[in-house]
Protein backbone atom coordinates (compact mmCIF):
# COMPACT_ATOMS: atom_id res chain seq x y z
CA GLN A 1 4.78 9.49 -20.71
CA VAL A 2 3.94 11.56 -17.66
CA GLN A 3 3.00 9.56 -14.58
CA LEU A 4 0.92 10.93 -11.74
CA VAL A 5 0.51 9.25 -8.37
CA GLU A 6 -2.19 10.43 -5.96
CA SER A 7 -2.29 9.73 -2.24
CA GLY A 8 -4.01 10.97 0.87
CA GLY A 9 -7.50 9.65 0.40
CA GLY A 10 -9.40 7.81 3.09
CA LEU A 11 -12.48 7.66 5.28
CA VAL A 12 -13.42 10.74 7.27
CA GLN A 13 -16.49 11.96 9.11
CA ALA A 14 -18.49 14.89 7.84
CA GLY A 15 -16.82 18.13 8.83
CA GLY A 16 -13.38 16.57 8.76
CA SER A 17 -10.36 17.27 6.57
CA LEU A 18 -8.08 15.45 4.18
CA LYS A 19 -5.10 16.56 2.13
CA LEU A 20 -4.51 14.89 -1.22
CA SER A 21 -1.11 14.86 -2.89
CA CYS A 22 -0.18 14.23 -6.51
CA VAL A 23 3.43 13.57 -7.44
CA VAL A 24 4.22 14.13 -11.10
CA SER A 25 7.03 12.20 -12.76
CA THR A 26 8.10 15.05 -15.03
CA ARG A 27 10.07 18.12 -14.04
CA GLY A 28 8.90 21.60 -14.69
CA ILE A 29 5.33 21.39 -13.49
CA SER A 30 5.43 25.13 -12.91
CA ALA A 31 4.90 25.52 -16.65
CA ILE A 32 1.91 23.21 -16.71
CA ALA A 33 -1.69 23.63 -15.61
CA MET A 34 -2.60 21.03 -12.99
CA GLY A 35 -6.02 20.03 -11.82
CA TRP A 36 -8.13 17.82 -9.60
CA PHE A 37 -11.26 16.03 -10.75
CA ARG A 38 -13.58 13.60 -9.02
CA GLN A 39 -16.00 10.88 -9.94
CA ALA A 40 -18.76 9.70 -7.65
CA PRO A 41 -20.46 6.32 -8.14
CA GLY A 42 -22.85 6.42 -11.06
CA LYS A 43 -21.83 9.94 -12.05
CA GLN A 44 -19.56 11.48 -14.64
CA ARG A 45 -16.12 12.73 -13.75
CA GLU A 46 -16.30 16.41 -12.80
CA PHE A 47 -13.90 19.29 -12.43
CA VAL A 48 -12.93 20.25 -8.87
CA ALA A 49 -10.01 22.69 -9.03
CA ARG A 50 -7.11 23.78 -11.16
CA ILE A 51 -4.00 25.90 -10.91
CA THR A 52 -2.47 27.29 -14.07
CA SER A 53 1.16 27.94 -14.87
CA SER A 54 0.63 31.62 -14.01
CA GLY A 55 -0.90 30.72 -10.66
CA THR A 56 -4.51 31.39 -11.54
CA ILE A 57 -6.79 29.18 -9.46
CA ASN A 58 -10.33 28.07 -10.20
CA TYR A 59 -12.77 25.94 -8.22
CA THR A 60 -16.11 24.41 -8.91
CA ASP A 61 -18.78 26.27 -6.95
CA SER A 62 -19.55 23.42 -4.56
CA VAL A 63 -16.03 23.41 -3.07
CA LYS A 64 -15.29 27.14 -2.95
CA GLY A 65 -14.27 28.20 0.53
CA ARG A 66 -13.65 24.59 1.61
CA PHE A 67 -10.95 23.25 -0.75
CA THR A 68 -7.55 24.74 -1.55
CA ILE A 69 -5.33 23.71 -4.44
CA SER A 70 -1.61 24.42 -4.27
CA ARG A 71 1.63 23.28 -5.81
CA ASP A 72 5.23 22.75 -4.73
CA ASN A 73 7.22 22.97 -7.93
CA ALA A 74 10.45 21.86 -6.25
CA LYS A 75 8.73 18.60 -5.27
CA ASN A 76 6.78 18.20 -8.52
CA THR A 77 3.71 17.91 -6.32
CA VAL A 78 0.21 19.34 -6.40
CA TYR A 79 -2.03 19.30 -3.33
CA LEU A 80 -5.71 19.54 -2.59
CA GLN A 81 -6.54 20.53 0.98
CA MET A 82 -10.14 19.59 1.69
CA ASN A 83 -11.86 21.01 4.76
CA SER A 84 -15.44 20.86 6.02
CA LEU A 85 -15.97 17.68 4.05
CA ARG A 86 -19.53 16.60 3.29
CA PRO A 87 -20.98 13.22 2.31
CA ASP A 88 -21.53 14.50 -1.24
CA ASP A 89 -17.76 14.98 -1.56
CA THR A 90 -17.43 11.19 -1.59
CA ALA A 91 -15.74 10.17 -4.83
CA VAL A 92 -12.57 8.94 -6.43
CA TYR A 93 -10.32 11.96 -6.82
CA TYR A 94 -8.02 12.20 -9.84
CA CYS A 95 -5.05 14.42 -10.49
CA ALA A 96 -4.56 15.67 -14.04
CA VAL A 97 -1.93 17.40 -16.12
CA GLY A 98 -2.86 20.01 -18.66
CA PHE A 99 -6.14 21.77 -19.24
CA PRO A 100 -7.97 20.13 -20.83
CA PRO A 101 -6.24 17.17 -19.19
CA ASN A 102 -3.94 14.95 -21.22
CA SER A 103 -2.65 12.71 -18.43
CA TRP A 104 -4.39 11.27 -15.38
CA GLY A 105 -3.44 9.59 -12.16
CA GLN A 106 -4.97 6.34 -10.97
CA GLY A 107 -7.22 8.06 -8.44
CA THR A 108 -7.58 8.01 -4.69
CA GLN A 109 -10.81 7.21 -2.85
CA VAL A 110 -12.32 9.78 -0.52
CA THR A 111 -15.27 8.65 1.58
CA VAL A 112 -17.12 11.05 3.86
CA SER A 113 -19.51 9.50 6.37
CA SER A 114 -22.48 11.34 7.79
């Protein structure tokens, strides 16, 4: 079974930046769509960004221009660079394999203070 381990979350002030990382236990992530999702307290998990095997990238509207998804296939790692963070970005962020996702990481907490 594929294992995903996220890191890089934390507490940051509004306007700040964080970079999330997701290490995938399987090789060959270049052939797999990878994505980031988030879940805020009391809300459903929502799509944030994805990068397909062909390199196509999609973002949810609320993060366009602020977040950047990327991948390093040699390191089996997917990243989410988050800039200009806002309090409404506060959530647990999850890495996922496949689209729709078939494997999830344990999540990393991102808290943005106003």
